[in-house]
Amino acid sequence: MAALNNTFLLSLMITLCLASINTSSATRRLLQIPGAPPLPAMPTIPSLPQPQMPSIPNMPTTTLPPLPAFNLPNMPLPTLPSAPKLTLPPLPANIPLPTSFPNMPAIPTLSPPPSN
């Protein structure tokens, strides 16, 4: 199903690309015609009268009561436990590096049949 979907999308993209090439080629050919008639004038759009909008009524103003004052007691913050101190072991001074690498296995190849 996925292969069919991919094939469909690929054919759609190719069709769109070829259609745009033909369209731009036709447009260029029309623009290069020496005796082309002039383009017609664009008609003007008449202005419409603006309707009278009703005025926005005034909203009554309300007064909100004051918020009550909260008196929170002064409480001490809890103490956090201390994290344990971690130490890393020392690294060796010289790390041994490999001087030779194992050989890569060869990929078997098929030779073509002899031709007569």
PDB file of N, CA and C in Angstrom:
ATOM      1  N   MET A   1       0.829  -1.190   0.000  1.00  0.00           N
ATOM      2  CA  MET A   1       0.000   0.000   0.000  1.00  0.00           C
ATOM      3  C   MET A   1       0.870   1.249   0.000  1.00  0.00           C
ATOM      4  N   ALA A   2       1.989   1.206   0.739  1.00  0.00           N
ATOM      5  CA  ALA A   2       2.860   2.376   0.800  1.00  0.00           C
ATOM      6  C   ALA A   2       3.525   2.614  -0.550  1.00  0.00           C
ATOM      7  N   ALA A   3       3.872   1.530  -1.263  1.00  0.00           N
ATOM      8  CA  ALA A   3       4.500   1.689  -2.574  1.00  0.00           C
ATOM      9  C   ALA A   3       3.519   2.313  -3.557  1.00  0.00           C
ATOM     10  N   LEU A   4       2.255   1.922  -3.485  1.00  0.00           N
ATOM     11  CA  LEU A   4       1.242   2.505  -4.358  1.00  0.00           C
ATOM     12  C   LEU A   4       1.066   3.985  -4.059  1.00  0.00           C
ATOM     13  N   ASN A   5       1.076   4.334  -2.781  1.00  0.00           N
ATOM     14  CA  ASN A   5       0.934   5.729  -2.373  1.00  0.00           C
ATOM     15  C   ASN A   5       2.127   6.542  -2.871  1.00  0.00           C
ATOM     16  N   ASN A   6       3.352   5.993  -2.725  1.00  0.00           N
ATOM     17  CA  ASN A   6       4.537   6.713  -3.173  1.00  0.00           C
ATOM     18  C   ASN A   6       4.539   6.867  -4.685  1.00  0.00           C
ATOM     19  N   THR A   7       4.101   5.847  -5.409  1.00  0.00           N
ATOM     20  CA  THR A   7       4.040   5.929  -6.867  1.00  0.00           C
ATOM     21  C   THR A   7       3.036   6.987  -7.290  1.00  0.00           C
ATOM     22  N   PHE A   8       1.909   7.028  -6.611  1.00  0.00           N
ATOM     23  CA  PHE A   8       0.902   8.039  -6.927  1.00  0.00           C
ATOM     24  C   PHE A   8       1.438   9.444  -6.688  1.00  0.00           C
ATOM     25  N   LEU A   9       2.103   9.656  -5.571  1.00  0.00           N
ATOM     26  CA  LEU A   9       2.648  10.977  -5.277  1.00  0.00           C
ATOM     27  C   LEU A   9       3.729  11.360  -6.280  1.00  0.00           C
ATOM     28  N   LEU A  10       4.563  10.403  -6.673  1.00  0.00           N
ATOM     29  CA  LEU A  10       5.607  10.690  -7.641  1.00  0.00           C
ATOM     30  C   LEU A  10       5.001  11.061  -8.990  1.00  0.00           C
ATOM     31  N   SER A  11       3.989  10.324  -9.433  1.00  0.00           N
ATOM     32  CA  SER A  11       3.362  10.653 -10.711  1.00  0.00           C
ATOM     33  C   SER A  11       2.636  11.995 -10.638  1.00  0.00           C
ATOM     34  N   LEU A  12       2.064  12.328  -9.502  1.00  0.00           N
ATOM     35  CA  LEU A  12       1.412  13.626  -9.332  1.00  0.00           C
ATOM     36  C   LEU A  12       2.431  14.760  -9.414  1.00  0.00           C
ATOM     37  N   MET A  13       3.573  14.586  -8.784  1.00  0.00           N
ATOM     38  CA  MET A  13       4.612  15.621  -8.825  1.00  0.00           C
ATOM     39  C   MET A  13       5.145  15.806 -10.247  1.00  0.00           C
ATOM     40  N   ILE A  14       5.348  14.713 -10.970  1.00  0.00           N
ATOM     41  CA  ILE A  14       5.836  14.808 -12.345  1.00  0.00           C
ATOM     42  C   ILE A  14       4.807  15.515 -13.220  1.00  0.00           C
ATOM     43  N   THR A  15       3.522  15.188 -13.032  1.00  0.00           N
ATOM     44  CA  THR A  15       2.459  15.829 -13.807  1.00  0.00           C
ATOM     45  C   THR A  15       2.423  17.325 -13.531  1.00  0.00           C
ATOM     46  N   LEU A  16       2.536  17.727 -12.281  1.00  0.00           N
ATOM     47  CA  LEU A  16       2.514  19.146 -11.940  1.00  0.00           C
ATOM     48  C   LEU A  16       3.717  19.879 -12.514  1.00  0.00           C
ATOM     49  N   CYS A  17       4.882  19.241 -12.485  1.00  0.00           N
ATOM     50  CA  CYS A  17       6.076  19.876 -13.049  1.00  0.00           C
ATOM     51  C   CYS A  17       5.927  20.076 -14.552  1.00  0.00           C
ATOM     52  N   LEU A  18       5.428  19.052 -15.246  1.00  0.00           N
ATOM     53  CA  LEU A  18       5.260  19.177 -16.693  1.00  0.00           C
ATOM     54  C   LEU A  18       4.173  20.186 -17.037  1.00  0.00           C
ATOM     55  N   ALA A  19       3.129  20.262 -16.231  1.00  0.00           N
ATOM     56  CA  ALA A  19       2.060  21.228 -16.488  1.00  0.00           C
ATOM     57  C   ALA A  19       2.580  22.648 -16.303  1.00  0.00           C
ATOM     58  N   SER A  20       3.426  22.875 -15.306  1.00  0.00           N
ATOM     59  CA  SER A  20       3.935  24.228 -15.097  1.00  0.00           C
ATOM     60  C   SER A  20       4.894  24.622 -16.206  1.00  0.00           C
ATOM     61  N   ILE A  21       5.636  23.663 -16.787  1.00  0.00           N
ATOM     62  CA  ILE A  21       6.528  23.979 -17.904  1.00  0.00           C
ATOM     63  C   ILE A  21       5.704  24.413 -19.112  1.00  0.00           C
ATOM     64  N   ASN A  22       4.622  23.680 -19.398  1.00  0.00           N
ATOM     65  CA  ASN A  22       3.779  24.034 -20.532  1.00  0.00           C
ATOM     66  C   ASN A  22       3.105  25.380 -20.325  1.00  0.00           C
ATOM     67  N   THR A  23       2.667  25.658 -19.116  1.00  0.00           N
ATOM     68  CA  THR A  23       1.994  26.914 -18.829  1.00  0.00           C
ATOM     69  C   THR A  23       2.940  28.086 -18.993  1.00  0.00           C
ATOM     70  N   SER A  24       4.146  27.976 -18.460  1.00  0.00           N
ATOM     71  CA  SER A  24       5.077  29.094 -18.578  1.00  0.00           C
ATOM     72  C   SER A  24       5.550  29.256 -20.012  1.00  0.00           C
ATOM     73  N   SER A  25       5.644  28.166 -20.772  1.00  0.00           N
ATOM     74  CA  SER A  25       6.016  28.273 -22.182  1.00  0.00           C
ATOM     75  C   SER A  25       4.921  28.979 -22.970  1.00  0.00           C
ATOM     76  N   ALA A  26       3.665  28.644 -22.703  1.00  0.00           N
ATOM     77  CA  ALA A  26       2.552  29.297 -23.390  1.00  0.00           C
ATOM     78  C   ALA A  26       2.465  30.761 -23.005  1.00  0.00           C
ATOM     79  N   THR A  27       2.708  31.093 -21.780  1.00  0.00           N
ATOM     80  CA  THR A  27       2.670  32.482 -21.333  1.00  0.00           C
ATOM     81  C   THR A  27       3.750  33.289 -22.029  1.00  0.00           C
ATOM     82  N   ARG A  28       4.950  32.747 -22.122  1.00  0.00           N
ATOM     83  CA  ARG A  28       6.048  33.456 -22.780  1.00  0.00           C
ATOM     84  C   ARG A  28       5.714  33.663 -24.261  1.00  0.00           C
ATOM     85  N   ARG A  29       5.121  32.643 -24.922  1.00  0.00           N
ATOM     86  CA  ARG A  29       4.776  32.764 -26.328  1.00  0.00           C
ATOM     87  C   ARG A  29       3.730  33.859 -26.529  1.00  0.00           C
ATOM     88  N   LEU A  30       2.747  33.947 -25.620  1.00  0.00           N
ATOM     89  CA  LEU A  30       1.722  34.987 -25.745  1.00  0.00           C
ATOM     90  C   LEU A  30       2.303  36.376 -25.520  1.00  0.00           C
ATOM     91  N   LEU A  31       3.281  36.496 -24.620  1.00  0.00           N
ATOM     92  CA  LEU A  31       3.874  37.801 -24.358  1.00  0.00           C
ATOM     93  C   LEU A  31       4.771  38.255 -25.500  1.00  0.00           C
ATOM     94  N   GLN A  32       5.290  37.321 -26.305  1.00  0.00           N
ATOM     95  CA  GLN A  32       6.218  37.690 -27.366  1.00  0.00           C
ATOM     96  C   GLN A  32       5.530  37.923 -28.706  1.00  0.00           C
ATOM     97  N   ILE A  33       4.210  37.814 -28.775  1.00  0.00           N
ATOM     98  CA  ILE A  33       3.506  38.069 -30.034  1.00  0.00           C
ATOM     99  C   ILE A  33       3.612  39.564 -30.327  1.00  0.00           C
ATOM    100  N   PRO A  34       4.119  39.955 -31.531  1.00  0.00           N
ATOM    101  CA  PRO A  34       4.330  41.384 -31.788  1.00  0.00           C
ATOM    102  C   PRO A  34       3.028  42.164 -31.953  1.00  0.00           C
ATOM    103  N   GLY A  35       1.998  41.595 -32.556  1.00  0.00           N
ATOM    104  CA  GLY A  35       0.779  42.363 -32.802  1.00  0.00           C
ATOM    105  C   GLY A  35      -0.305  42.052 -31.795  1.00  0.00           C
ATOM    106  N   ALA A  36       0.059  41.849 -30.535  1.00  0.00           N
ATOM    107  CA  ALA A  36      -0.938  41.491 -29.532  1.00  0.00           C
ATOM    108  C   ALA A  36      -1.821  42.692 -29.226  1.00  0.00           C
ATOM    109  N   PRO A  37      -3.125  42.472 -29.100  1.00  0.00           N
ATOM    110  CA  PRO A  37      -4.005  43.606 -28.772  1.00  0.00           C
ATOM    111  C   PRO A  37      -3.736  44.077 -27.341  1.00  0.00           C
ATOM    112  N   PRO A  38      -3.984  45.361 -27.059  1.00  0.00           N
ATOM    113  CA  PRO A  38      -3.759  45.854 -25.696  1.00  0.00           C
ATOM    114  C   PRO A  38      -4.779  45.237 -24.733  1.00  0.00           C
ATOM    115  N   LEU A  39      -4.381  45.166 -23.503  1.00  0.00           N
ATOM    116  CA  LEU A  39      -5.276  44.607 -22.486  1.00  0.00           C
ATOM    117  C   LEU A  39      -6.441  45.553 -22.247  1.00  0.00           C
ATOM    118  N   PRO A  40      -7.646  45.029 -21.995  1.00  0.00           N
ATOM    119  CA  PRO A  40      -8.784  45.916 -21.730  1.00  0.00           C
ATOM    120  C   PRO A  40      -8.600  46.618 -20.382  1.00  0.00           C
ATOM    121  N   ALA A  41      -9.201  47.801 -20.282  1.00  0.00           N
ATOM    122  CA  ALA A  41      -9.099  48.575 -19.046  1.00  0.00           C
ATOM    123  C   ALA A  41      -9.908  47.902 -17.950  1.00  0.00           C
ATOM    124  N   MET A  42      -9.398  47.961 -16.748  1.00  0.00           N
ATOM    125  CA  MET A  42     -10.101  47.370 -15.607  1.00  0.00           C
ATOM    126  C   MET A  42     -11.286  48.249 -15.236  1.00  0.00           C
ATOM    127  N   PRO A  43     -12.457  47.655 -14.997  1.00  0.00           N
ATOM    128  CA  PRO A  43     -13.610  48.478 -14.617  1.00  0.00           C
ATOM    129  C   PRO A  43     -13.416  49.030 -13.208  1.00  0.00           C
ATOM    130  N   THR A  44     -13.970  50.186 -12.967  1.00  0.00           N
ATOM    131  CA  THR A  44     -13.863  50.794 -11.641  1.00  0.00           C
ATOM    132  C   THR A  44     -14.985  50.255 -10.758  1.00  0.00           C
ATOM    133  N   ILE A  45     -14.697  50.129  -9.506  1.00  0.00           N
ATOM    134  CA  ILE A  45     -15.680  49.642  -8.537  1.00  0.00           C
ATOM    135  C   ILE A  45     -16.333  50.854  -7.896  1.00  0.00           C
ATOM    136  N   PRO A  46     -17.663  50.951  -7.981  1.00  0.00           N
ATOM    137  CA  PRO A  46     -18.311  52.129  -7.385  1.00  0.00           C
ATOM    138  C   PRO A  46     -18.223  52.067  -5.859  1.00  0.00           C
ATOM    139  N   SER A  47     -18.135  53.245  -5.268  1.00  0.00           N
ATOM    140  CA  SER A  47     -18.071  53.285  -3.803  1.00  0.00           C
ATOM    141  C   SER A  47     -19.486  53.159  -3.239  1.00  0.00           C
ATOM    142  N   LEU A  48     -19.585  52.410  -2.183  1.00  0.00           N
ATOM    143  CA  LEU A  48     -20.884  52.188  -1.547  1.00  0.00           C
ATOM    144  C   LEU A  48     -21.049  53.143  -0.378  1.00  0.00           C
ATOM    145  N   PRO A  49     -22.290  53.563  -0.097  1.00  0.00           N
ATOM    146  CA  PRO A  49     -22.494  54.444   1.062  1.00  0.00           C
ATOM    147  C   PRO A  49     -22.251  53.671   2.355  1.00  0.00           C
ATOM    148  N   GLN A  50     -21.665  54.356   3.311  1.00  0.00           N
ATOM    149  CA  GLN A  50     -21.369  53.738   4.599  1.00  0.00           C
ATOM    150  C   GLN A  50     -22.616  53.792   5.482  1.00  0.00           C
ATOM    151  N   PRO A  51     -23.015  52.659   6.070  1.00  0.00           N
ATOM    152  CA  PRO A  51     -24.202  52.677   6.939  1.00  0.00           C
ATOM    153  C   PRO A  51     -23.881  53.384   8.261  1.00  0.00           C
ATOM    154  N   GLN A  52     -24.927  53.935   8.863  1.00  0.00           N
ATOM    155  CA  GLN A  52     -24.771  54.592  10.161  1.00  0.00           C
ATOM    156  C   GLN A  52     -24.755  53.523  11.245  1.00  0.00           C
ATOM    157  N   MET A  53     -23.696  53.501  12.002  1.00  0.00           N
ATOM    158  CA  MET A  53     -23.575  52.518  13.074  1.00  0.00           C
ATOM    159  C   MET A  53     -24.137  53.117  14.359  1.00  0.00           C
ATOM    160  N   PRO A  54     -24.858  52.291  15.139  1.00  0.00           N
ATOM    161  CA  PRO A  54     -25.366  52.825  16.412  1.00  0.00           C
ATOM    162  C   PRO A  54     -24.205  53.053  17.375  1.00  0.00           C
ATOM    163  N   SER A  55     -24.383  54.026  18.244  1.00  0.00           N
ATOM    164  CA  SER A  55     -23.325  54.319  19.206  1.00  0.00           C
ATOM    165  C   SER A  55     -23.312  53.244  20.299  1.00  0.00           C
ATOM    166  N   ILE A  56     -22.144  53.026  20.848  1.00  0.00           N
ATOM    167  CA  ILE A  56     -21.986  52.024  21.892  1.00  0.00           C
ATOM    168  C   ILE A  56     -22.516  52.600  23.202  1.00  0.00           C
ATOM    169  N   PRO A  57     -23.412  51.872  23.874  1.00  0.00           N
ATOM    170  CA  PRO A  57     -23.945  52.427  25.130  1.00  0.00           C
ATOM    171  C   PRO A  57     -22.865  52.430  26.213  1.00  0.00           C
ATOM    172  N   ASN A  58     -23.011  53.380  27.128  1.00  0.00           N
ATOM    173  CA  ASN A  58     -22.069  53.465  28.247  1.00  0.00           C
ATOM    174  C   ASN A  58     -22.399  52.382  29.263  1.00  0.00           C
ATOM    175  N   MET A  59     -21.360  51.693  29.700  1.00  0.00           N
ATOM    176  CA  MET A  59     -21.538  50.661  30.712  1.00  0.00           C
ATOM    177  C   MET A  59     -21.464  51.304  32.090  1.00  0.00           C
ATOM    178  N   PRO A  60     -22.308  50.831  33.004  1.00  0.00           N
ATOM    179  CA  PRO A  60     -22.227  51.405  34.356  1.00  0.00           C
ATOM    180  C   PRO A  60     -20.918  50.979  35.015  1.00  0.00           C
ATOM    181  N   THR A  61     -20.350  51.890  35.766  1.00  0.00           N
ATOM    182  CA  THR A  61     -19.100  51.581  36.470  1.00  0.00           C
ATOM    183  C   THR A  61     -19.443  50.960  37.813  1.00  0.00           C
ATOM    184  N   THR A  62     -18.702  49.940  38.144  1.00  0.00           N
ATOM    185  CA  THR A  62     -18.922  49.267  39.420  1.00  0.00           C
ATOM    186  C   THR A  62     -17.668  49.418  40.259  1.00  0.00           C
ATOM    187  N   THR A  63     -17.856  49.421  41.545  1.00  0.00           N
ATOM    188  CA  THR A  63     -16.718  49.480  42.455  1.00  0.00           C
ATOM    189  C   THR A  63     -16.602  48.121  43.135  1.00  0.00           C
ATOM    190  N   LEU A  64     -15.408  47.621  43.156  1.00  0.00           N
ATOM    191  CA  LEU A  64     -15.167  46.341  43.787  1.00  0.00           C
ATOM    192  C   LEU A  64     -14.781  46.554  45.244  1.00  0.00           C
ATOM    193  N   PRO A  65     -15.202  45.647  46.106  1.00  0.00           N
ATOM    194  CA  PRO A  65     -14.796  45.793  47.510  1.00  0.00           C
ATOM    195  C   PRO A  65     -13.298  45.492  47.624  1.00  0.00           C
ATOM    196  N   PRO A  66     -12.638  46.081  48.599  1.00  0.00           N
ATOM    197  CA  PRO A  66     -11.207  45.818  48.754  1.00  0.00           C
ATOM    198  C   PRO A  66     -10.970  44.362  49.169  1.00  0.00           C
ATOM    199  N   LEU A  67      -9.842  43.822  48.733  1.00  0.00           N
ATOM    200  CA  LEU A  67      -9.490  42.458  49.098  1.00  0.00           C
ATOM    201  C   LEU A  67      -9.073  42.409  50.563  1.00  0.00           C
ATOM    202  N   PRO A  68      -9.403  41.320  51.241  1.00  0.00           N
ATOM    203  CA  PRO A  68      -8.985  41.229  52.645  1.00  0.00           C
ATOM    204  C   PRO A  68      -7.466  41.057  52.728  1.00  0.00           C
ATOM    205  N   ALA A  69      -6.896  41.582  53.792  1.00  0.00           N
ATOM    206  CA  ALA A  69      -5.451  41.461  54.001  1.00  0.00           C
ATOM    207  C   ALA A  69      -5.169  40.117  54.650  1.00  0.00           C
ATOM    208  N   PHE A  70      -4.224  39.390  54.084  1.00  0.00           N
ATOM    209  CA  PHE A  70      -3.843  38.098  54.648  1.00  0.00           C
ATOM    210  C   PHE A  70      -2.590  38.288  55.478  1.00  0.00           C
ATOM    211  N   ASN A  71      -2.655  37.876  56.700  1.00  0.00           N
ATOM    212  CA  ASN A  71      -1.482  37.921  57.577  1.00  0.00           C
ATOM    213  C   ASN A  71      -1.000  36.492  57.764  1.00  0.00           C
ATOM    214  N   LEU A  72       0.056  36.135  57.039  1.00  0.00           N
ATOM    215  CA  LEU A  72       0.611  34.799  57.169  1.00  0.00           C
ATOM    216  C   LEU A  72       1.658  34.800  58.270  1.00  0.00           C
ATOM    217  N   PRO A  73       1.703  33.748  59.055  1.00  0.00           N
ATOM    218  CA  PRO A  73       2.723  33.706  60.106  1.00  0.00           C
ATOM    219  C   PRO A  73       4.103  33.520  59.476  1.00  0.00           C
ATOM    220  N   ASN A  74       5.098  34.078  60.101  1.00  0.00           N
ATOM    221  CA  ASN A  74       6.483  33.936  59.652  1.00  0.00           C
ATOM    222  C   ASN A  74       6.982  32.570  60.077  1.00  0.00           C
ATOM    223  N   MET A  75       7.068  31.653  59.130  1.00  0.00           N
ATOM    224  CA  MET A  75       7.521  30.310  59.462  1.00  0.00           C
ATOM    225  C   MET A  75       8.920  30.112  58.904  1.00  0.00           C
ATOM    226  N   PRO A  76       9.795  29.439  59.650  1.00  0.00           N
ATOM    227  CA  PRO A  76      11.140  29.201  59.118  1.00  0.00           C
ATOM    228  C   PRO A  76      11.082  28.152  58.017  1.00  0.00           C
ATOM    229  N   LEU A  77      11.967  28.294  57.047  1.00  0.00           N
ATOM    230  CA  LEU A  77      12.025  27.323  55.960  1.00  0.00           C
ATOM    231  C   LEU A  77      12.689  26.052  56.451  1.00  0.00           C
ATOM    232  N   PRO A  78      12.266  24.892  55.954  1.00  0.00           N
ATOM    233  CA  PRO A  78      12.911  23.650  56.391  1.00  0.00           C
ATOM    234  C   PRO A  78      14.323  23.568  55.808  1.00  0.00           C
ATOM    235  N   THR A  79      15.201  22.926  56.560  1.00  0.00           N
ATOM    236  CA  THR A  79      16.579  22.780  56.095  1.00  0.00           C
ATOM    237  C   THR A  79      16.655  21.585  55.145  1.00  0.00           C
ATOM    238  N   LEU A  80      17.440  21.743  54.106  1.00  0.00           N
ATOM    239  CA  LEU A  80      17.610  20.673  53.141  1.00  0.00           C
ATOM    240  C   LEU A  80      18.758  19.779  53.577  1.00  0.00           C
ATOM    241  N   PRO A  81      18.614  18.471  53.370  1.00  0.00           N
ATOM    242  CA  PRO A  81      19.737  17.598  53.731  1.00  0.00           C
ATOM    243  C   PRO A  81      20.888  17.814  52.752  1.00  0.00           C
ATOM    244  N   SER A  82      22.091  17.654  53.261  1.00  0.00           N
ATOM    245  CA  SER A  82      23.246  17.869  52.397  1.00  0.00           C
ATOM    246  C   SER A  82      23.447  16.646  51.507  1.00  0.00           C
ATOM    247  N   ALA A  83      23.859  16.891  50.273  1.00  0.00           N
ATOM    248  CA  ALA A  83      24.082  15.811  49.322  1.00  0.00           C
ATOM    249  C   ALA A  83      25.421  15.161  49.616  1.00  0.00           C
ATOM    250  N   PRO A  84      25.514  13.847  49.426  1.00  0.00           N
ATOM    251  CA  PRO A  84      26.810  13.199  49.692  1.00  0.00           C
ATOM    252  C   PRO A  84      27.844  13.632  48.664  1.00  0.00           C
ATOM    253  N   LYS A  85      29.079  13.740  49.099  1.00  0.00           N
ATOM    254  CA  LYS A  85      30.174  14.157  48.232  1.00  0.00           C
ATOM    255  C   LYS A  85      30.667  12.941  47.473  1.00  0.00           C
ATOM    256  N   LEU A  86      30.633  13.005  46.140  1.00  0.00           N
ATOM    257  CA  LEU A  86      31.079  11.905  45.314  1.00  0.00           C
ATOM    258  C   LEU A  86      32.473  12.206  44.783  1.00  0.00           C
ATOM    259  N   THR A  87      33.336  11.205  44.829  1.00  0.00           N
ATOM    260  CA  THR A  87      34.676  11.367  44.262  1.00  0.00           C
ATOM    261  C   THR A  87      34.877  10.309  43.200  1.00  0.00           C
ATOM    262  N   LEU A  88      35.520  10.679  42.102  1.00  0.00           N
ATOM    263  CA  LEU A  88      35.804   9.756  41.024  1.00  0.00           C
ATOM    264  C   LEU A  88      37.207   9.200  41.184  1.00  0.00           C
ATOM    265  N   PRO A  89      37.419   7.960  40.771  1.00  0.00           N
ATOM    266  CA  PRO A  89      38.769   7.417  40.864  1.00  0.00           C
ATOM    267  C   PRO A  89      39.676   8.127  39.851  1.00  0.00           C
ATOM    268  N   PRO A  90      40.968   8.191  40.127  1.00  0.00           N
ATOM    269  CA  PRO A  90      41.868   8.879  39.197  1.00  0.00           C
ATOM    270  C   PRO A  90      42.007   8.079  37.900  1.00  0.00           C
ATOM    271  N   LEU A  91      42.190   8.803  36.793  1.00  0.00           N
ATOM    272  CA  LEU A  91      42.379   8.167  35.496  1.00  0.00           C
ATOM    273  C   LEU A  91      43.830   7.737  35.351  1.00  0.00           C
ATOM    274  N   PRO A  92      44.086   6.662  34.589  1.00  0.00           N
ATOM    275  CA  PRO A  92      45.480   6.268  34.391  1.00  0.00           C
ATOM    276  C   PRO A  92      46.225   7.339  33.587  1.00  0.00           C
ATOM    277  N   ALA A  93      47.526   7.456  33.820  1.00  0.00           N
ATOM    278  CA  ALA A  93      48.324   8.509  33.184  1.00  0.00           C
ATOM    279  C   ALA A  93      48.435   8.267  31.688  1.00  0.00           C
ATOM    280  N   ASN A  94      48.697   7.047  31.253  1.00  0.00           N
ATOM    281  CA  ASN A  94      48.804   6.786  29.813  1.00  0.00           C
ATOM    282  C   ASN A  94      47.857   5.629  29.480  1.00  0.00           C
ATOM    283  N   ILE A  95      46.943   5.898  28.575  1.00  0.00           N
ATOM    284  CA  ILE A  95      45.954   4.900  28.170  1.00  0.00           C
ATOM    285  C   ILE A  95      46.536   4.145  26.978  1.00  0.00           C
ATOM    286  N   PRO A  96      46.573   2.813  27.023  1.00  0.00           N
ATOM    287  CA  PRO A  96      47.134   2.083  25.886  1.00  0.00           C
ATOM    288  C   PRO A  96      46.208   2.178  24.677  1.00  0.00           C
ATOM    289  N   LEU A  97      46.778   2.582  23.520  1.00  0.00           N
ATOM    290  CA  LEU A  97      46.017   2.690  22.289  1.00  0.00           C
ATOM    291  C   LEU A  97      46.382   1.524  21.389  1.00  0.00           C
ATOM    292  N   PRO A  98      45.431   0.974  20.654  1.00  0.00           N
ATOM    293  CA  PRO A  98      45.771  -0.128  19.751  1.00  0.00           C
ATOM    294  C   PRO A  98      46.620   0.389  18.590  1.00  0.00           C
ATOM    295  N   THR A  99      47.655  -0.373  18.243  1.00  0.00           N
ATOM    296  CA  THR A  99      48.542   0.053  17.162  1.00  0.00           C
ATOM    297  C   THR A  99      48.159  -0.589  15.840  1.00  0.00           C
ATOM    298  N   SER A 100      47.516  -1.727  15.859  1.00  0.00           N
ATOM    299  CA  SER A 100      47.091  -2.350  14.609  1.00  0.00           C
ATOM    300  C   SER A 100      45.635  -2.777  14.757  1.00  0.00           C
ATOM    301  N   PHE A 101      44.937  -2.695  13.651  1.00  0.00           N
ATOM    302  CA  PHE A 101      43.529  -3.040  13.655  1.00  0.00           C
ATOM    303  C   PHE A 101      43.333  -4.357  12.925  1.00  0.00           C
ATOM    304  N   PRO A 102      42.317  -5.131  13.253  1.00  0.00           N
ATOM    305  CA  PRO A 102      42.090  -6.394  12.542  1.00  0.00           C
ATOM    306  C   PRO A 102      41.701  -6.119  11.098  1.00  0.00           C
ATOM    307  N   ASN A 103      42.004  -7.074  10.232  1.00  0.00           N
ATOM    308  CA  ASN A 103      41.679  -6.914   8.814  1.00  0.00           C
ATOM    309  C   ASN A 103      40.181  -6.989   8.606  1.00  0.00           C
ATOM    310  N   MET A 104      39.710  -6.180   7.653  1.00  0.00           N
ATOM    311  CA  MET A 104      38.292  -6.187   7.309  1.00  0.00           C
ATOM    312  C   MET A 104      38.030  -7.391   6.422  1.00  0.00           C
ATOM    313  N   PRO A 105      36.918  -8.085   6.617  1.00  0.00           N
ATOM    314  CA  PRO A 105      36.633  -9.224   5.736  1.00  0.00           C
ATOM    315  C   PRO A 105      36.337  -8.725   4.326  1.00  0.00           C
ATOM    316  N   ALA A 106      36.759  -9.464   3.341  1.00  0.00           N
ATOM    317  CA  ALA A 106      36.541  -9.081   1.953  1.00  0.00           C
ATOM    318  C   ALA A 106      35.116  -9.423   1.542  1.00  0.00           C
ATOM    319  N   ILE A 107      34.540  -8.562   0.693  1.00  0.00           N
ATOM    320  CA  ILE A 107      33.192  -8.796   0.191  1.00  0.00           C
ATOM    321  C   ILE A 107      33.331  -9.665  -1.056  1.00  0.00           C
ATOM    322  N   PRO A 108      32.655 -10.807  -1.109  1.00  0.00           N
ATOM    323  CA  PRO A 108      32.797 -11.667  -2.290  1.00  0.00           C
ATOM    324  C   PRO A 108      32.158 -11.005  -3.506  1.00  0.00           C
ATOM    325  N   THR A 109      32.839 -11.065  -4.630  1.00  0.00           N
ATOM    326  CA  THR A 109      32.318 -10.495  -5.857  1.00  0.00           C
ATOM    327  C   THR A 109      32.126 -11.610  -6.865  1.00  0.00           C
ATOM    328  N   LEU A 110      31.160 -11.451  -7.727  1.00  0.00           N
ATOM    329  CA  LEU A 110      30.900 -12.433  -8.762  1.00  0.00           C
ATOM    330  C   LEU A 110      31.536 -11.955 -10.061  1.00  0.00           C
ATOM    331  N   SER A 111      32.272 -12.800 -10.696  1.00  0.00           N
ATOM    332  CA  SER A 111      32.878 -12.417 -11.967  1.00  0.00           C
ATOM    333  C   SER A 111      31.884 -12.716 -13.076  1.00  0.00           C
ATOM    334  N   PRO A 112      31.864 -11.884 -14.131  1.00  0.00           N
ATOM    335  CA  PRO A 112      30.914 -12.120 -15.220  1.00  0.00           C
ATOM    336  C   PRO A 112      31.303 -13.384 -15.990  1.00  0.00           C
ATOM    337  N   PRO A 113      30.351 -14.012 -16.632  1.00  0.00           N
ATOM    338  CA  PRO A 113      30.679 -15.223 -17.405  1.00  0.00           C
ATOM    339  C   PRO A 113      31.572 -14.867 -18.591  1.00  0.00           C
ATOM    340  N   PRO A 114      32.397 -15.794 -19.011  1.00  0.00           N
ATOM    341  CA  PRO A 114      33.279 -15.485 -20.131  1.00  0.00           C
ATOM    342  C   PRO A 114      32.478 -15.288 -21.411  1.00  0.00           C
ATOM    343  N   SER A 115      32.891 -14.320 -22.211  1.00  0.00           N
ATOM    344  CA  SER A 115      32.191 -14.054 -23.451  1.00  0.00           C
ATOM    345  C   SER A 115      32.952 -14.723 -24.614  1.00  0.00           C
ATOM    346  N   ASN A 116      32.240 -15.187 -25.578  1.00  0.00           N
ATOM    347  CA  ASN A 116      32.871 -15.855 -26.725  1.00  0.00           C
ATOM    348  C   ASN A 116      33.085 -14.889 -27.840  1.00  0.00           C
TER     349      ASN A 116
END
